Amino acid sequence: MKRVFTLSGLLLFALLSVPTVQAQTPDLSGTWVYNPDKSVLPNTERMGARGGGTEIVIKQEGDTITITRQMRTREGTRSMDEVIVADGRPHEQSMGRGTVTVTASWQEGRLVVERTMPSRRGQASATTSTTTYTVRNDGQLLLIDSTDRQGDLISRAYDRKG
């Protein structure tokens, strides 16, 4: 009888000790609307979302995250898609005029995306930027944090739509 209780106790301890996947991979999916009042932007970025988009739609299937940004331009609204694979391995992506190496993973309940751009003419080395995606307020607020070229924090806030 003592052996049954010991085995049951060990099994219960093992089950409670395993971190849950849900805590490590929050649900980013949904439609998110830019909220300038909750955002922290350097003075040069204050004219709007500037590269963040006025609305973003995120689809999340396992480790594959598809982000569609809706941006206002002089010609109207423009969409831009980005696919991120959060498996911790580097993936090559075409961006603008070149190829970027993107490495994404789940860390402490946030999506962390590192982008490494090869050196351009006049630059000594490649440039790496980090962007984190954090869901707060019971899934109603999405913060996308990064730094600009001067090292200033850019924190774009988005409210869940609907």
N, C-alpha and C. Protein backbone atom coordinates (compact mmCIF):
# COMPACT_ATOMS: atom_id res chain seq x y z
N MET A 1 0.83 -1.19 0.00
CA MET A 1 0.00 0.00 0.00
C MET A 1 0.87 1.25 0.00
N LYS A 2 1.96 1.21 0.79
CA LYS A 2 2.86 2.34 0.85
C LYS A 2 3.50 2.60 -0.51
N ARG A 3 3.78 1.52 -1.23
CA ARG A 3 4.39 1.63 -2.56
C ARG A 3 3.43 2.33 -3.54
N VAL A 4 2.13 2.05 -3.47
CA VAL A 4 1.14 2.67 -4.34
C VAL A 4 1.08 4.17 -4.07
N PHE A 5 1.08 4.58 -2.80
CA PHE A 5 1.05 6.00 -2.46
C PHE A 5 2.32 6.70 -2.93
N THR A 6 3.46 6.04 -2.79
CA THR A 6 4.73 6.63 -3.22
C THR A 6 4.73 6.83 -4.74
N LEU A 7 4.30 5.81 -5.48
CA LEU A 7 4.26 5.93 -6.93
C LEU A 7 3.25 6.99 -7.36
N SER A 8 2.11 7.05 -6.69
CA SER A 8 1.11 8.08 -7.01
C SER A 8 1.66 9.47 -6.74
N GLY A 9 2.36 9.62 -5.63
CA GLY A 9 2.96 10.91 -5.29
C GLY A 9 4.01 11.33 -6.30
N LEU A 10 4.85 10.39 -6.72
CA LEU A 10 5.87 10.70 -7.72
C LEU A 10 5.24 11.07 -9.06
N LEU A 11 4.19 10.36 -9.45
CA LEU A 11 3.50 10.66 -10.71
C LEU A 11 2.86 12.05 -10.66
N LEU A 12 2.21 12.36 -9.55
CA LEU A 12 1.59 13.68 -9.39
C LEU A 12 2.65 14.78 -9.43
N PHE A 13 3.79 14.56 -8.75
CA PHE A 13 4.88 15.54 -8.76
C PHE A 13 5.40 15.75 -10.17
N ALA A 14 5.58 14.66 -10.91
CA ALA A 14 6.09 14.75 -12.29
C ALA A 14 5.13 15.52 -13.18
N LEU A 15 3.83 15.26 -13.04
CA LEU A 15 2.84 15.97 -13.86
C LEU A 15 2.79 17.46 -13.53
N LEU A 16 2.91 17.80 -12.26
CA LEU A 16 2.86 19.20 -11.88
C LEU A 16 4.15 19.94 -12.21
N SER A 17 5.24 19.21 -12.36
CA SER A 17 6.54 19.84 -12.64
C SER A 17 6.74 20.17 -14.11
N VAL A 18 5.99 19.55 -14.99
CA VAL A 18 6.15 19.78 -16.43
C VAL A 18 5.53 21.12 -16.77
N PRO A 19 6.31 22.05 -17.36
CA PRO A 19 5.73 23.34 -17.73
C PRO A 19 4.69 23.15 -18.83
N THR A 20 3.64 23.91 -18.77
CA THR A 20 2.60 23.78 -19.78
C THR A 20 2.99 24.53 -21.04
N VAL A 21 2.65 23.97 -22.16
CA VAL A 21 2.94 24.60 -23.44
C VAL A 21 2.14 25.89 -23.57
N GLN A 22 0.92 25.90 -23.06
CA GLN A 22 0.07 27.08 -23.16
C GLN A 22 0.74 28.31 -22.54
N ALA A 23 1.41 28.13 -21.40
CA ALA A 23 2.05 29.26 -20.75
C ALA A 23 3.22 29.79 -21.58
N GLN A 24 3.87 28.93 -22.36
CA GLN A 24 5.01 29.33 -23.14
C GLN A 24 4.64 29.88 -24.52
N THR A 25 3.47 29.51 -25.03
CA THR A 25 3.06 29.97 -26.35
C THR A 25 1.69 30.64 -26.28
N PRO A 26 1.67 31.92 -25.95
CA PRO A 26 0.38 32.61 -25.87
C PRO A 26 -0.27 32.71 -27.25
N ASP A 27 -1.57 32.90 -27.25
CA ASP A 27 -2.32 33.00 -28.49
C ASP A 27 -2.25 34.44 -29.01
N LEU A 28 -1.51 34.62 -30.08
CA LEU A 28 -1.38 35.94 -30.70
C LEU A 28 -2.45 36.17 -31.76
N SER A 29 -3.18 35.12 -32.12
CA SER A 29 -4.10 35.22 -33.25
C SER A 29 -5.24 36.19 -32.98
N GLY A 30 -5.68 36.83 -34.05
CA GLY A 30 -6.78 37.77 -33.96
C GLY A 30 -6.51 39.02 -34.78
N THR A 31 -7.44 39.95 -34.71
CA THR A 31 -7.29 41.23 -35.38
C THR A 31 -6.98 42.26 -34.30
N TRP A 32 -5.93 43.03 -34.52
CA TRP A 32 -5.42 43.99 -33.54
C TRP A 32 -5.40 45.38 -34.16
N VAL A 33 -5.88 46.38 -33.41
CA VAL A 33 -5.97 47.76 -33.89
C VAL A 33 -4.96 48.61 -33.12
N TYR A 34 -4.16 49.36 -33.86
CA TYR A 34 -3.12 50.21 -33.27
C TYR A 34 -3.72 51.21 -32.29
N ASN A 35 -3.08 51.33 -31.11
CA ASN A 35 -3.53 52.27 -30.08
C ASN A 35 -2.37 53.22 -29.76
N PRO A 36 -2.37 54.42 -30.34
CA PRO A 36 -1.25 55.35 -30.12
C PRO A 36 -1.14 55.82 -28.67
N ASP A 37 -2.26 55.83 -27.91
CA ASP A 37 -2.22 56.29 -26.53
C ASP A 37 -1.47 55.34 -25.61
N LYS A 38 -1.42 54.06 -25.95
CA LYS A 38 -0.72 53.07 -25.13
C LYS A 38 0.68 52.77 -25.67
N SER A 39 1.04 53.38 -26.78
CA SER A 39 2.33 53.13 -27.41
C SER A 39 3.39 54.09 -26.89
N VAL A 40 4.64 53.63 -26.94
CA VAL A 40 5.79 54.45 -26.55
C VAL A 40 6.68 54.54 -27.78
N LEU A 41 6.75 55.75 -28.35
CA LEU A 41 7.50 55.96 -29.58
C LEU A 41 8.47 57.12 -29.43
N PRO A 42 9.65 57.02 -30.04
CA PRO A 42 10.54 58.18 -30.07
C PRO A 42 9.89 59.32 -30.84
N ASN A 43 10.35 60.52 -30.66
CA ASN A 43 9.75 61.69 -31.33
C ASN A 43 9.68 61.53 -32.83
N THR A 44 10.65 60.86 -33.43
CA THR A 44 10.66 60.70 -34.89
C THR A 44 9.58 59.75 -35.37
N GLU A 45 8.97 58.99 -34.47
CA GLU A 45 7.97 58.00 -34.85
C GLU A 45 6.55 58.46 -34.52
N ARG A 46 6.36 59.65 -34.01
CA ARG A 46 5.07 60.07 -33.46
C ARG A 46 3.99 60.33 -34.50
N MET A 47 4.31 60.31 -35.77
CA MET A 47 3.32 60.66 -36.79
C MET A 47 2.36 59.54 -37.10
N GLY A 48 2.33 58.49 -36.35
CA GLY A 48 1.43 57.37 -36.62
C GLY A 48 2.14 56.09 -36.29
N ALA A 49 1.67 55.02 -36.80
CA ALA A 49 2.25 53.72 -36.47
C ALA A 49 3.63 53.56 -37.09
N ARG A 50 3.94 54.28 -38.16
CA ARG A 50 5.24 54.26 -38.83
C ARG A 50 5.85 52.85 -38.90
N GLY A 51 5.39 52.08 -39.82
CA GLY A 51 5.96 50.76 -40.03
C GLY A 51 5.26 49.67 -39.24
N GLY A 52 4.45 50.02 -38.28
CA GLY A 52 3.77 49.02 -37.48
C GLY A 52 2.41 48.66 -38.05
N GLY A 53 1.80 49.54 -38.79
CA GLY A 53 0.49 49.29 -39.36
C GLY A 53 -0.61 49.79 -38.45
N THR A 54 -1.72 50.19 -39.06
CA THR A 54 -2.86 50.67 -38.28
C THR A 54 -3.70 49.51 -37.76
N GLU A 55 -3.63 48.38 -38.46
CA GLU A 55 -4.33 47.18 -38.03
C GLU A 55 -3.50 45.98 -38.47
N ILE A 56 -3.41 44.99 -37.60
CA ILE A 56 -2.70 43.77 -37.97
C ILE A 56 -3.60 42.57 -37.69
N VAL A 57 -3.49 41.58 -38.55
CA VAL A 57 -4.21 40.33 -38.38
C VAL A 57 -3.16 39.24 -38.22
N ILE A 58 -3.27 38.47 -37.14
CA ILE A 58 -2.31 37.41 -36.87
C ILE A 58 -3.03 36.08 -36.89
N LYS A 59 -2.48 35.16 -37.67
CA LYS A 59 -2.95 33.77 -37.70
C LYS A 59 -1.83 32.91 -37.14
N GLN A 60 -2.17 32.09 -36.18
CA GLN A 60 -1.17 31.27 -35.50
C GLN A 60 -1.58 29.82 -35.58
N GLU A 61 -0.74 29.01 -36.22
CA GLU A 61 -0.96 27.58 -36.33
C GLU A 61 0.31 26.88 -35.88
N GLY A 62 0.31 26.40 -34.65
CA GLY A 62 1.52 25.79 -34.09
C GLY A 62 2.61 26.83 -33.99
N ASP A 63 3.77 26.54 -34.57
CA ASP A 63 4.90 27.47 -34.53
C ASP A 63 4.90 28.44 -35.71
N THR A 64 3.91 28.37 -36.59
CA THR A 64 3.87 29.26 -37.75
C THR A 64 2.90 30.41 -37.47
N ILE A 65 3.44 31.61 -37.54
CA ILE A 65 2.67 32.82 -37.28
C ILE A 65 2.68 33.65 -38.56
N THR A 66 1.49 34.00 -39.06
CA THR A 66 1.37 34.85 -40.24
C THR A 66 0.81 36.19 -39.78
N ILE A 67 1.55 37.25 -40.06
CA ILE A 67 1.15 38.60 -39.66
C ILE A 67 0.85 39.40 -40.92
N THR A 68 -0.38 39.91 -41.00
CA THR A 68 -0.79 40.77 -42.11
C THR A 68 -0.98 42.17 -41.55
N ARG A 69 -0.19 43.11 -42.05
CA ARG A 69 -0.27 44.49 -41.60
C ARG A 69 -1.04 45.31 -42.62
N GLN A 70 -2.00 46.09 -42.14
CA GLN A 70 -2.74 47.03 -42.97
C GLN A 70 -2.15 48.41 -42.72
N MET A 71 -1.61 49.03 -43.75
CA MET A 71 -0.99 50.34 -43.60
C MET A 71 -1.64 51.35 -44.52
N ARG A 72 -1.78 52.56 -43.99
CA ARG A 72 -2.31 53.65 -44.81
C ARG A 72 -1.16 54.29 -45.57
N THR A 73 -1.39 54.50 -46.85
CA THR A 73 -0.41 55.20 -47.68
C THR A 73 -1.15 56.33 -48.38
N ARG A 74 -0.42 57.11 -49.13
CA ARG A 74 -1.07 58.20 -49.89
C ARG A 74 -2.06 57.66 -50.90
N GLU A 75 -1.79 56.45 -51.39
CA GLU A 75 -2.65 55.84 -52.40
C GLU A 75 -3.82 55.08 -51.79
N GLY A 76 -3.88 54.93 -50.49
CA GLY A 76 -4.95 54.16 -49.84
C GLY A 76 -4.38 53.20 -48.80
N THR A 77 -5.01 52.06 -48.65
CA THR A 77 -4.56 51.06 -47.69
C THR A 77 -3.78 49.98 -48.42
N ARG A 78 -2.68 49.55 -47.81
CA ARG A 78 -1.82 48.54 -48.40
C ARG A 78 -1.62 47.42 -47.37
N SER A 79 -1.58 46.18 -47.82
CA SER A 79 -1.34 45.03 -46.95
C SER A 79 0.06 44.48 -47.16
N MET A 80 0.64 44.01 -46.08
CA MET A 80 1.95 43.37 -46.16
C MET A 80 1.92 42.14 -45.27
N ASP A 81 2.31 40.98 -45.80
CA ASP A 81 2.32 39.73 -45.04
C ASP A 81 3.73 39.36 -44.64
N GLU A 82 3.83 38.77 -43.45
CA GLU A 82 5.10 38.22 -42.97
C GLU A 82 4.80 36.88 -42.31
N VAL A 83 5.57 35.86 -42.65
CA VAL A 83 5.42 34.55 -42.04
C VAL A 83 6.64 34.30 -41.16
N ILE A 84 6.37 33.98 -39.89
CA ILE A 84 7.43 33.72 -38.91
C ILE A 84 7.27 32.29 -38.42
N VAL A 85 8.36 31.54 -38.39
CA VAL A 85 8.35 30.18 -37.86
C VAL A 85 9.11 30.21 -36.54
N ALA A 86 8.39 30.00 -35.44
CA ALA A 86 8.98 30.11 -34.10
C ALA A 86 9.50 28.76 -33.62
N ASP A 87 10.53 28.27 -34.31
CA ASP A 87 11.11 26.98 -33.93
C ASP A 87 12.56 27.11 -33.44
N GLY A 88 13.04 28.35 -33.30
CA GLY A 88 14.39 28.57 -32.80
C GLY A 88 15.49 28.40 -33.84
N ARG A 89 15.13 28.08 -35.07
CA ARG A 89 16.12 27.90 -36.13
C ARG A 89 16.10 29.08 -37.09
N PRO A 90 17.22 29.39 -37.71
CA PRO A 90 17.26 30.50 -38.68
C PRO A 90 16.53 30.14 -39.98
N HIS A 91 15.78 31.11 -40.49
CA HIS A 91 15.06 30.97 -41.76
C HIS A 91 15.37 32.19 -42.61
N GLU A 92 15.61 31.98 -43.90
CA GLU A 92 15.87 33.06 -44.82
C GLU A 92 14.56 33.64 -45.34
N GLN A 93 14.47 34.97 -45.38
CA GLN A 93 13.28 35.65 -45.92
C GLN A 93 13.73 36.77 -46.84
N SER A 94 12.99 36.94 -47.94
CA SER A 94 13.23 38.08 -48.82
C SER A 94 12.53 39.28 -48.23
N MET A 95 13.26 40.38 -48.10
CA MET A 95 12.68 41.61 -47.58
C MET A 95 13.28 42.77 -48.34
N GLY A 96 12.43 43.54 -48.97
CA GLY A 96 12.92 44.71 -49.68
C GLY A 96 13.92 44.34 -50.73
N ARG A 97 15.13 44.82 -50.55
CA ARG A 97 16.18 44.61 -51.56
C ARG A 97 17.14 43.48 -51.24
N GLY A 98 16.85 42.69 -50.22
CA GLY A 98 17.79 41.64 -49.88
C GLY A 98 17.15 40.51 -49.09
N THR A 99 18.02 39.67 -48.55
CA THR A 99 17.59 38.54 -47.76
C THR A 99 17.91 38.79 -46.29
N VAL A 100 16.97 38.45 -45.44
CA VAL A 100 17.12 38.61 -44.00
C VAL A 100 17.04 37.23 -43.36
N THR A 101 17.88 36.99 -42.37
CA THR A 101 17.81 35.75 -41.61
C THR A 101 16.96 36.00 -40.38
N VAL A 102 15.88 35.23 -40.24
CA VAL A 102 14.94 35.41 -39.14
C VAL A 102 14.98 34.18 -38.25
N THR A 103 15.21 34.42 -36.95
CA THR A 103 15.20 33.35 -35.95
C THR A 103 14.17 33.74 -34.90
N ALA A 104 13.17 32.89 -34.71
CA ALA A 104 12.09 33.21 -33.76
C ALA A 104 11.89 32.04 -32.80
N SER A 105 11.55 32.39 -31.55
CA SER A 105 11.29 31.36 -30.54
C SER A 105 10.39 31.93 -29.46
N TRP A 106 9.80 31.03 -28.68
CA TRP A 106 8.98 31.42 -27.54
C TRP A 106 9.89 31.49 -26.33
N GLN A 107 9.91 32.62 -25.65
CA GLN A 107 10.74 32.80 -24.47
C GLN A 107 9.93 33.51 -23.39
N GLU A 108 9.79 32.85 -22.26
CA GLU A 108 9.09 33.43 -21.11
C GLU A 108 7.72 33.98 -21.49
N GLY A 109 6.97 33.22 -22.29
CA GLY A 109 5.62 33.61 -22.65
C GLY A 109 5.52 34.70 -23.69
N ARG A 110 6.63 34.97 -24.40
CA ARG A 110 6.64 36.00 -25.45
C ARG A 110 7.23 35.40 -26.71
N LEU A 111 6.82 35.94 -27.85
CA LEU A 111 7.45 35.58 -29.11
C LEU A 111 8.61 36.54 -29.32
N VAL A 112 9.82 36.00 -29.47
CA VAL A 112 11.01 36.81 -29.68
C VAL A 112 11.53 36.53 -31.09
N VAL A 113 11.63 37.59 -31.90
CA VAL A 113 12.04 37.47 -33.29
C VAL A 113 13.31 38.27 -33.51
N GLU A 114 14.37 37.59 -33.95
CA GLU A 114 15.62 38.27 -34.29
C GLU A 114 15.78 38.26 -35.80
N ARG A 115 16.07 39.44 -36.35
CA ARG A 115 16.30 39.59 -37.78
C ARG A 115 17.73 40.06 -37.99
N THR A 116 18.47 39.33 -38.81
CA THR A 116 19.85 39.70 -39.12
C THR A 116 19.92 40.06 -40.59
N MET A 117 20.32 41.32 -40.83
CA MET A 117 20.45 41.81 -42.19
C MET A 117 21.94 41.85 -42.54
N PRO A 118 22.31 41.37 -43.72
CA PRO A 118 23.72 41.39 -44.09
C PRO A 118 24.24 42.82 -44.17
N SER A 119 25.54 42.96 -44.04
CA SER A 119 26.12 44.30 -44.10
C SER A 119 25.90 44.91 -45.49
N ARG A 120 25.68 46.19 -45.49
CA ARG A 120 25.54 46.94 -46.74
C ARG A 120 26.85 47.64 -47.02
N ARG A 121 26.90 48.23 -48.18
CA ARG A 121 28.10 48.98 -48.53
C ARG A 121 28.31 50.08 -47.49
N GLY A 122 29.48 50.14 -46.93
CA GLY A 122 29.79 51.15 -45.93
C GLY A 122 29.59 50.67 -44.50
N GLN A 123 28.96 49.50 -44.29
CA GLN A 123 28.78 48.95 -42.96
C GLN A 123 29.85 47.90 -42.71
N ALA A 124 30.36 47.88 -41.49
CA ALA A 124 31.40 46.92 -41.15
C ALA A 124 30.85 45.51 -40.95
N SER A 125 29.65 45.40 -40.41
CA SER A 125 29.11 44.07 -40.12
C SER A 125 27.59 44.04 -40.30
N ALA A 126 27.05 42.83 -40.17
CA ALA A 126 25.61 42.65 -40.27
C ALA A 126 24.91 43.35 -39.11
N THR A 127 23.64 43.67 -39.31
CA THR A 127 22.83 44.33 -38.29
C THR A 127 21.77 43.36 -37.81
N THR A 128 21.62 43.25 -36.48
CA THR A 128 20.60 42.39 -35.90
C THR A 128 19.62 43.23 -35.09
N SER A 129 18.34 42.99 -35.31
CA SER A 129 17.30 43.66 -34.52
C SER A 129 16.44 42.59 -33.85
N THR A 130 15.90 42.94 -32.70
CA THR A 130 15.04 42.02 -31.96
C THR A 130 13.68 42.66 -31.74
N THR A 131 12.64 41.90 -32.00
CA THR A 131 11.26 42.35 -31.78
C THR A 131 10.58 41.31 -30.89
N THR A 132 9.88 41.79 -29.86
CA THR A 132 9.13 40.86 -29.00
C THR A 132 7.64 41.15 -29.11
N TYR A 133 6.86 40.09 -29.08
CA TYR A 133 5.41 40.15 -29.13
C TYR A 133 4.89 39.61 -27.80
N THR A 134 4.21 40.46 -27.03
CA THR A 134 3.71 40.09 -25.71
C THR A 134 2.22 40.38 -25.62
N VAL A 135 1.45 39.40 -25.15
CA VAL A 135 0.02 39.58 -24.95
C VAL A 135 -0.22 39.85 -23.47
N ARG A 136 -1.01 40.89 -23.17
CA ARG A 136 -1.31 41.28 -21.79
C ARG A 136 -2.80 41.53 -21.63
N ASN A 137 -3.18 41.88 -20.41
CA ASN A 137 -4.57 42.25 -20.07
C ASN A 137 -5.56 41.18 -20.53
N ASP A 138 -5.31 39.94 -20.09
CA ASP A 138 -6.21 38.81 -20.42
C ASP A 138 -6.42 38.66 -21.92
N GLY A 139 -5.36 38.86 -22.70
CA GLY A 139 -5.43 38.66 -24.14
C GLY A 139 -6.01 39.82 -24.92
N GLN A 140 -6.20 40.97 -24.29
CA GLN A 140 -6.83 42.11 -24.96
C GLN A 140 -5.83 43.14 -25.48
N LEU A 141 -4.56 43.02 -25.09
CA LEU A 141 -3.54 44.00 -25.48
C LEU A 141 -2.32 43.25 -26.02
N LEU A 142 -1.85 43.67 -27.19
CA LEU A 142 -0.65 43.13 -27.80
C LEU A 142 0.40 44.23 -27.83
N LEU A 143 1.57 43.97 -27.25
CA LEU A 143 2.69 44.91 -27.29
C LEU A 143 3.75 44.35 -28.23
N ILE A 144 4.18 45.17 -29.16
CA ILE A 144 5.26 44.80 -30.07
C ILE A 144 6.41 45.76 -29.78
N ASP A 145 7.45 45.23 -29.13
CA ASP A 145 8.58 46.04 -28.69
C ASP A 145 9.81 45.79 -29.55
N SER A 146 10.49 46.88 -29.90
CA SER A 146 11.74 46.81 -30.65
C SER A 146 12.54 48.06 -30.32
N THR A 147 13.71 48.18 -30.93
CA THR A 147 14.51 49.39 -30.76
C THR A 147 14.79 49.98 -32.13
N ASP A 148 14.92 51.31 -32.17
CA ASP A 148 15.24 51.95 -33.45
C ASP A 148 16.75 51.98 -33.63
N ARG A 149 17.20 52.59 -34.70
CA ARG A 149 18.64 52.63 -35.00
C ARG A 149 19.46 53.37 -33.96
N GLN A 150 18.82 54.28 -33.21
CA GLN A 150 19.52 55.01 -32.16
C GLN A 150 19.49 54.27 -30.82
N GLY A 151 18.82 53.12 -30.79
CA GLY A 151 18.73 52.34 -29.57
C GLY A 151 17.55 52.71 -28.68
N ASP A 152 16.66 53.58 -29.17
CA ASP A 152 15.48 53.97 -28.40
C ASP A 152 14.40 52.89 -28.49
N LEU A 153 13.69 52.67 -27.39
CA LEU A 153 12.61 51.69 -27.35
C LEU A 153 11.42 52.17 -28.18
N ILE A 154 10.89 51.26 -28.97
CA ILE A 154 9.64 51.49 -29.68
C ILE A 154 8.69 50.42 -29.18
N SER A 155 7.61 50.82 -28.56
CA SER A 155 6.62 49.89 -28.05
C SER A 155 5.28 50.25 -28.67
N ARG A 156 4.86 49.45 -29.64
CA ARG A 156 3.58 49.68 -30.31
C ARG A 156 2.52 48.84 -29.63
N ALA A 157 1.43 49.47 -29.25
CA ALA A 157 0.34 48.77 -28.55
C ALA A 157 -0.83 48.59 -29.50
N TYR A 158 -1.44 47.43 -29.43
CA TYR A 158 -2.60 47.09 -30.25
C TYR A 158 -3.68 46.49 -29.36
N ASP A 159 -4.91 46.95 -29.54
CA ASP A 159 -6.06 46.42 -28.82
C ASP A 159 -6.71 45.35 -29.68
N ARG A 160 -7.15 44.27 -29.02
CA ARG A 160 -7.85 43.21 -29.73
C ARG A 160 -9.19 43.75 -30.26
N LYS A 161 -9.46 43.50 -31.52
CA LYS A 161 -10.70 43.99 -32.13
C LYS A 161 -11.79 42.94 -31.92
N GLY A 162 -12.95 43.43 -31.52
CA GLY A 162 -14.11 42.55 -31.40
C GLY A 162 -14.19 41.78 -30.18
